[in-house]
């Protein structure tokens, strides 16, 4: 005969009703990255090509823009951060032919058209912050501890995180079609 034991209440150190982890690695290959970004910028008629290249420890960026004439600029993204549903990064070394700096209006135009109401561009620091809260549930808590770009992949290494299950538990057993 087994004896059931009462479930101990969570301590102050451990949050209750949460699934937690100590580390998580999410890998995105170049094909997936480029498919996502091309779909995001498809409404920007000035952008003819957009290519992300995760190699040699950097996330390279090549954009071909047509504004009267067609020109290509290259850059790389650095200082990628993810917190509270926002993805932020700095656009570094953006130049045409490796010499002429890219005007901020080009980046602002892409942000305004492709990421309307979902991103903010800070031109003085060339920082772009994308709001991913519409895509990610508010119950999810993540923080990027490191970003690795190698072998054609972007790897996001997350530190400790959690997913609160209180909303999931509250919705269990409810009829999803109730009220229709």
Foldseek 3Di string as FASTA:
>chain_A
DDDDDDDDDDDPVDDPQKDKDFKDKDKDFQVRVQVVVCVLQVQQVQWPGWGWFQADFWTKIWTWGDDPHIFIWIWTWDDWKDFQQKTKIATPQTATPSPHHDDVVVVVSSCCGRVNPFWDADVVRRMIMGRRPVVDPSQKGWIFPDWGGHPRMIMTMIGMIIGRCPVVVVCPPDDPPPPD
